C-alpha cells in the first residue's frame, strides 16, 4: 500500500507542478475543472444523485463552467460572501448536527457550494501563467499539506482528546494544535521566501492562516461525514493507494474558497 501511494504521488506531483507553472490560462482552467469535476462526481456518489440525474448534473455543471470561463465571469463579492458564510457558519453546524443529504435538489446545490468556489479559487489565485502567481497558489495549497502532515504526526505523538469521534475517530485536538503551530511556522517561512504576493505583513498573514487551518480541518471532517453517512470508505478508487480525488482535496476546496473570498472581500 505504501509503495502504491508513493508511486501515485510521484506521478501526480510533477503533473500538478507543471500545470501550475506552465499551463496557459485556458489549459489551467480546464485542468483545474477536471480536478473539481472528479471530486464532484465522487461527492454525487455519496448522496442521493444516481443514474441519468447524476450524469446530467455533471454534464450541466461542466457546461456552466465552460460558459463562465468563455464569458470571463468571475465570482461577485456577494458570491464570495455566500461561500464564506457556508464554510464559517453552515459547515460547523452541519458537522455538529450531522445532517444527511437525502434530497436530490439539495445535493446538487451542496455540490456547487463545495466545488464551484474552489474552482474559482484555482483560477483567481493563478490568473496567468507566471512564477509569482504560481508560487502564491502553491503557498495556499502548501498550507493544507503542512496542516495535514503536522496534524498527523502531532496526533500520533500526543493525541488523547478526540476531535470528532463519531465522524473521524482518528483525529484529535492535539493534532489540531500541531497543525496550527506547523502552519504558523510555514507561513513565516514562505513569506520570507517571497512566495505570497499579498500586501500584508507577516503577522497579519499568520493571523489569517490560523482560521484557514481550522477551515482545512472542517473540510476534512465534512468529507469524512459524507463517507460515513453513505457507508463508503473512500470517495472512489481513482488514485491507487490514496482513494479518490475528493479524499485528497477535501481540505483544499475549503481553503481555496475561504482564502479567495477573504482576498476578494479584503480588496487584496
Protein backbone atom coordinates (compact mmCIF):
# COMPACT_ATOMS: atom_id res chain seq x y z
CA UNK A 1 0.00 0.00 0.00
CA UNK A 2 2.78 2.45 0.93
CA UNK A 3 4.65 1.76 -2.33
CA UNK A 4 1.44 2.33 -4.30
CA UNK A 5 0.84 5.64 -2.50
CA UNK A 6 4.39 6.80 -3.19
CA UNK A 7 4.25 5.85 -6.88
CA UNK A 8 0.94 7.65 -7.33
CA UNK A 9 2.29 10.75 -5.59
CA UNK A 10 5.46 10.72 -7.71
CA UNK A 11 3.32 10.73 -10.84
CA UNK A 12 0.77 13.31 -9.75
CA UNK A 13 3.05 15.88 -8.10
CA UNK A 14 5.15 16.69 -11.21
CA UNK A 15 1.95 16.88 -13.28
CA UNK A 16 0.41 19.32 -10.81
CA UNK A 17 3.52 21.49 -10.67
CA UNK A 18 3.85 21.53 -14.47
CA UNK A 19 0.20 22.57 -14.83
CA UNK A 20 0.55 25.19 -12.12
CA UNK A 21 3.59 26.92 -13.57
CA UNK A 22 3.44 26.17 -17.30
CA UNK A 23 -0.16 25.78 -18.47
CA UNK A 24 -1.67 28.82 -20.20
CA UNK A 25 -4.88 30.20 -18.74
CA UNK A 26 -7.25 28.09 -20.88
CA UNK A 27 -5.40 24.86 -20.16
CA UNK A 28 -5.19 25.68 -16.45
CA UNK A 29 -8.94 26.36 -16.31
CA UNK A 30 -9.66 23.02 -17.99
CA UNK A 31 -7.16 21.13 -15.83
CA UNK A 32 -8.44 22.59 -12.57
CA UNK A 33 -12.05 21.97 -13.63
CA UNK A 34 -11.17 18.32 -14.28
CA UNK A 35 -9.93 18.04 -10.69
CA UNK A 36 -13.09 19.69 -9.37
CA UNK A 37 -15.36 17.65 -11.65
CA UNK A 38 -13.89 14.36 -10.45
CA UNK A 39 -14.42 15.44 -6.85
CA UNK A 40 -17.97 16.50 -7.73
CA UNK A 41 -18.61 13.08 -9.27
CA UNK A 42 -17.35 11.41 -6.11
CA UNK A 43 -19.50 13.69 -3.96
CA UNK A 44 -22.55 12.82 -6.05
CA UNK A 45 -21.89 9.13 -5.37
CA UNK A 46 -22.17 9.80 -1.62
CA UNK A 47 -25.55 11.50 -1.92
CA UNK A 48 -28.91 10.80 -3.47
CA UNK A 49 -27.78 11.54 -7.03
CA UNK A 50 -27.94 8.41 -9.13
CA UNK A 51 -28.27 7.31 -12.76
CA UNK A 52 -29.23 9.79 -15.50
CA UNK A 53 -29.77 12.61 -12.99
CA UNK A 54 -26.19 12.27 -11.76
CA UNK A 55 -24.71 12.40 -15.26
CA UNK A 56 -26.98 15.25 -16.31
CA UNK A 57 -25.83 17.16 -13.23
CA UNK A 58 -22.15 16.62 -14.02
CA UNK A 59 -22.61 17.47 -17.70
CA UNK A 60 -24.66 20.55 -16.87
CA UNK A 61 -22.09 21.70 -14.32
CA UNK A 62 -19.34 21.34 -16.92
CA UNK A 63 -21.35 23.30 -19.48
CA UNK A 64 -21.94 26.10 -16.98
CA UNK A 65 -18.25 26.17 -16.06
CA UNK A 66 -17.30 26.38 -19.75
CA UNK A 67 -19.75 29.24 -20.33
CA UNK A 68 -18.47 31.07 -17.26
CA UNK A 69 -14.89 30.76 -18.47
CA UNK A 70 -15.70 31.79 -22.05
CA UNK A 71 -17.60 34.84 -20.87
CA UNK A 72 -14.87 35.89 -18.44
CA UNK A 73 -17.25 35.55 -15.50
CA UNK A 74 -15.73 35.76 -12.05
CA UNK A 75 -17.29 35.39 -8.62
CA UNK A 76 -19.03 38.52 -7.36
CA UNK A 77 -18.42 39.87 -3.88
CA UNK A 78 -21.87 38.60 -2.91
CA UNK A 79 -20.97 35.10 -4.11
CA UNK A 80 -17.73 35.26 -2.13
CA UNK A 81 -19.73 36.26 0.95
CA UNK A 82 -22.02 33.25 0.43
CA UNK A 83 -19.01 30.93 0.15
CA UNK A 84 -17.51 32.43 3.29
CA UNK A 85 -20.78 32.05 5.19
CA UNK A 86 -21.12 28.47 4.02
CA UNK A 87 -17.71 27.41 5.33
CA UNK A 88 -17.68 29.50 8.50
CA UNK A 89 -21.31 29.02 9.59
CA UNK A 90 -23.11 26.24 7.71
CA UNK A 91 -20.33 23.64 7.73
CA UNK A 92 -19.70 23.79 11.52
CA UNK A 93 -23.48 23.45 12.02
CA UNK A 94 -23.54 20.56 9.55
CA UNK A 95 -20.83 18.78 11.48
CA UNK A 96 -22.44 19.37 14.87
CA UNK A 97 -25.92 18.30 13.70
CA UNK A 98 -24.59 15.58 11.37
CA UNK A 99 -27.17 16.25 8.69
CA UNK A 100 -27.68 13.70 5.90
CA UNK A 101 -28.36 14.74 2.31
CA UNK A 102 -31.40 12.87 1.03
CA UNK A 103 -32.95 15.38 -1.35
CA UNK A 104 -31.50 15.46 -4.90
CA UNK A 105 -32.01 19.22 -5.30
CA UNK A 106 -30.21 19.89 -2.03
CA UNK A 107 -27.42 17.51 -3.07
CA UNK A 108 -26.88 19.41 -6.32
CA UNK A 109 -26.85 22.78 -4.57
CA UNK A 110 -24.45 21.48 -1.94
CA UNK A 111 -22.14 20.10 -4.62
CA UNK A 112 -21.95 23.51 -6.25
CA UNK A 113 -21.36 25.26 -2.92
CA UNK A 114 -18.47 22.90 -2.28
CA UNK A 115 -16.78 22.78 -5.67
CA UNK A 116 -17.51 25.95 -7.65
CA UNK A 117 -15.86 28.44 -5.22
CA UNK A 118 -12.84 26.11 -5.07
CA UNK A 119 -12.58 26.15 -8.87
CA UNK A 120 -12.71 29.93 -8.92
CA UNK A 121 -10.06 29.86 -6.20
CA UNK A 122 -7.80 27.90 -8.56
CA UNK A 123 -8.45 30.46 -11.30
CA UNK A 124 -8.31 33.69 -9.33
CA UNK A 125 -5.23 32.88 -7.26
CA UNK A 126 -3.46 31.97 -10.51
CA UNK A 127 -4.96 34.19 -13.27
CA UNK A 128 -1.89 33.98 -15.53
CA UNK A 129 0.96 31.53 -16.06
CA UNK A 130 3.80 33.25 -14.26
CA UNK A 131 6.09 32.43 -11.37
CA UNK A 132 4.58 34.98 -8.98
CA UNK A 133 1.00 33.76 -9.15
CA UNK A 134 2.10 30.13 -9.35
CA UNK A 135 4.09 30.44 -6.14
CA UNK A 136 1.23 32.20 -4.36
CA UNK A 137 -1.24 29.44 -5.21
CA UNK A 138 1.36 26.83 -4.32
CA UNK A 139 1.76 28.56 -0.95
CA UNK A 140 -2.01 28.34 -0.37
CA UNK A 141 -2.00 24.66 -1.32
CA UNK A 142 1.07 24.07 0.81
CA UNK A 143 -0.76 25.39 3.87
CA UNK A 144 -3.20 22.49 3.54
CA UNK A 145 -0.43 19.93 3.14
CA UNK A 146 1.54 21.28 6.11
CA UNK A 147 -1.59 21.32 8.29
CA UNK A 148 -2.37 17.74 7.32
CA UNK A 149 1.15 16.43 7.97
CA UNK A 150 1.59 18.36 11.22
CA UNK A 151 -1.81 17.19 12.47
CA UNK A 152 -0.97 13.58 11.64
CA UNK A 153 2.36 13.47 13.45
CA UNK A 154 1.32 15.57 16.46
CA UNK A 155 -1.84 13.47 16.76
CA UNK A 156 0.19 10.27 16.65
CA UNK A 157 2.63 11.56 19.25
CA UNK A 158 0.33 13.41 21.65
CA UNK A 159 -3.26 12.67 20.66
CA UNK A 160 -5.55 11.92 23.61
CA UNK A 161 -8.71 14.00 23.26
CA UNK A 162 -10.82 13.02 20.28
CA UNK A 163 -11.86 15.87 17.99
CA UNK A 164 -14.95 14.30 16.41
CA UNK A 165 -15.12 10.62 17.37
CA UNK A 166 -18.46 9.99 15.67
CA UNK A 167 -17.16 11.36 12.37
CA UNK A 168 -13.42 10.68 12.24
CA UNK A 169 -12.17 8.73 15.28
CA UNK A 170 -8.50 9.14 14.40
CA UNK A 171 -8.43 12.94 14.71
CA UNK A 172 -7.54 14.63 17.98
CA UNK A 173 -7.42 18.14 19.41
CA UNK A 174 -3.68 17.70 19.88
CA UNK A 175 -3.44 17.11 16.13
CA UNK A 176 -5.25 20.40 15.53
CA UNK A 177 -2.85 22.25 17.84
CA UNK A 178 0.09 20.72 15.99
CA UNK A 179 -1.41 21.83 12.68
CA UNK A 180 -1.80 25.41 13.94
CA UNK A 181 1.84 25.54 15.08
CA UNK A 182 3.09 23.94 11.86
CA UNK A 183 1.11 26.35 9.68
CA UNK A 184 2.31 29.39 11.64
CA UNK A 185 5.94 28.35 11.09
CA UNK A 186 5.22 27.56 7.44
CA UNK A 187 3.63 30.96 6.73
CA UNK A 188 6.60 32.79 8.21
CA UNK A 189 8.95 30.68 6.07
CA UNK A 190 7.13 31.14 2.75
CA UNK A 191 6.70 34.86 3.47
CA UNK A 192 10.46 35.18 3.88
CA UNK A 193 10.91 33.31 0.62
CA UNK A 194 8.62 35.79 -1.14
CA UNK A 195 6.06 33.21 -2.21
CA UNK A 196 3.00 35.17 -1.06
CA UNK A 197 2.18 38.13 -3.31
CA UNK A 198 -0.33 39.71 -0.93
CA UNK A 199 0.44 43.10 0.55
CA UNK A 200 0.18 42.14 4.20
CA UNK A 201 2.81 41.94 6.96
CA UNK A 202 3.89 38.55 8.21
CA UNK A 203 1.97 38.82 11.48
CA UNK A 204 -1.27 39.51 9.59
CA UNK A 205 -0.65 36.54 7.29
CA UNK A 206 -0.16 34.29 10.30
CA UNK A 207 -3.40 35.56 11.85
CA UNK A 208 -5.22 34.77 8.60
CA UNK A 209 -3.57 31.38 8.26
CA UNK A 210 -4.76 30.13 11.65
CA UNK A 211 -8.51 30.26 10.85
CA UNK A 212 -7.69 28.81 7.42
CA UNK A 213 -6.17 25.87 9.27
CA UNK A 214 -9.45 25.42 11.14
CA UNK A 215 -11.32 25.61 7.83
CA UNK A 216 -8.97 22.95 6.45
CA UNK A 217 -9.88 20.64 9.34
CA UNK A 218 -13.60 21.29 8.75
CA UNK A 219 -13.23 20.42 5.08
CA UNK A 220 -11.63 17.12 6.00
CA UNK A 221 -14.28 16.34 8.61
CA UNK A 222 -17.13 17.22 6.26
CA UNK A 223 -15.95 14.77 3.63
CA UNK A 224 -15.41 12.15 6.34
CA UNK A 225 -19.03 12.64 7.41
CA UNK A 226 -20.27 12.30 3.82
CA UNK A 227 -18.40 8.99 3.55
CA UNK A 228 -19.57 7.73 6.93
CA UNK A 229 -23.21 8.64 6.30
CA UNK A 230 -23.12 6.90 2.91
CA UNK A 231 -21.22 3.84 4.17
CA UNK A 232 -18.20 4.45 1.92
CA UNK A 233 -14.56 4.00 2.96
CA UNK A 234 -13.09 6.11 0.13
CA UNK A 235 -14.74 8.63 -2.18
CA UNK A 236 -13.58 6.40 -5.09
CA UNK A 237 -10.61 4.28 -6.22
CA UNK A 238 -9.35 6.71 -8.84
CA UNK A 239 -5.98 7.28 -7.16
CA UNK A 240 -4.27 3.98 -6.28
CA UNK A 241 -3.25 3.96 -2.64
CA UNK A 242 -4.93 7.31 -1.98
CA UNK A 243 -8.62 6.66 -2.55
CA UNK A 244 -10.41 9.31 -4.56
CA UNK A 245 -9.78 12.87 -5.71
CA UNK A 246 -12.19 14.27 -3.12
CA UNK A 247 -10.28 12.33 -0.44
CA UNK A 248 -7.16 14.22 -1.44
CA UNK A 249 -8.62 17.72 -1.87
CA UNK A 250 -11.32 17.79 0.83
CA UNK A 251 -9.36 20.34 2.88
CA UNK A 252 -8.07 22.18 -0.18
CA UNK A 253 -11.51 23.00 -1.58
CA UNK A 254 -12.39 24.63 1.74
CA UNK A 255 -9.17 26.64 1.98
CA UNK A 256 -9.31 27.74 -1.66
CA UNK A 257 -12.86 29.02 -1.27
CA UNK A 258 -12.26 30.83 2.02
CA UNK A 259 -8.85 32.28 1.19
CA UNK A 260 -10.09 33.55 -2.17
CA UNK A 261 -13.17 35.08 -0.53
CA UNK A 262 -11.00 36.83 2.06
CA UNK A 263 -8.72 38.07 -0.73
CA UNK A 264 -11.63 39.45 -2.76
CA UNK A 265 -13.63 40.90 0.12
CA UNK A 266 -10.47 42.44 1.59
CA UNK A 267 -9.56 44.05 -1.72
CA UNK A 268 -6.18 42.29 -1.84
